[in-house]
Amino acid sequence: MSEILLDAVDLTKHYGSVEALRGASFQARAGEVTALIGDNGAGKSTLVKCLSGAEQPTSGKILLDGTEVHVDSPTTARRLGIETVYQDLAVAPELDPAANLFLGREIHRKGILGKLGMLDKNEMRRQAIEEFQRLGVTLQSTDVPIGSLSGGQRQSVAVARSVVWASKVVFMDEPTAALGVVQRERVLDVIKKVRDKGIAVVLISHNMPEVLSVADRVEVLRLGKRVARFTGSDTKLEDLVAAMTGALVQEEAA
């Protein structure tokens, strides 16, 4: 069994009188895809925001590699090796794939030119092509604005960007929601390659067949708490639906 890399314990989150999380727990393991599922209002987005630094929990604790951490901002999360891929194709459409891969982490030229702010575009392009090949990301061109590529290719670049910089955990929030069948399969293949690197992948998805096809484990939230956990290979669609609707509850806290 893989080691627990990320462990959230009894997280609560209050927005005034509204309890978005009511003692939610969650675990992600190195080298596995853990799907986080639940109906609308279950608390998935709030939990991911707390784990990725966009929000801070009201109470509870978050452990990374067994050590309690305070993820007080997305910048802190990135420094800890935690990256997030959002469903809205968060790329800069006017820049090429290499520039998107290094967005915010650009490589400057050596010497006085670098001090003047000039970028080493050739080196960024070389490294980008190397990373795309390693992850199996196929692009029709690496020299055109990313906005001219297909939705699947754009999302593959967004996934690759997070993977290149993540050393621990990658959250993927509905990464295939806007994609067609062929494009979805391409992104799922990239996700599997990320898992095989030893990174903990957390997949948030409403697509249950997709979850069953790629997830090693599934954790189910309902009304702000975890209510069930499954091993991907042993799980049936009806089990997931039953847990999401409240017909099946495995645990109160485990």
Foldseek 3Di string as FASTA:
>chain_A
DFDWFKWWFQFWADDDPDILAGGAIDTWGWLFEEEEEADPSLNVVVVVCCLQQVDPTPDTFMDGPRHTDHSNHNVSSLVVQEEEQEQPLPFDQQDFLLCRLCPVNFAADDDPRSVVPHGPVVVSLVVRVVLCVLLVQDWPDRPGGNNVTDLLNSLLSSVSSSLVRGDEEYEYEASCVPHDDVSVVSSLSSVSSSSNVGHTYYYYDPDLVSCLVGGQKYWYGGNNYTFDIDGSVPDDPVVNVCSNVVVDGDDRGD
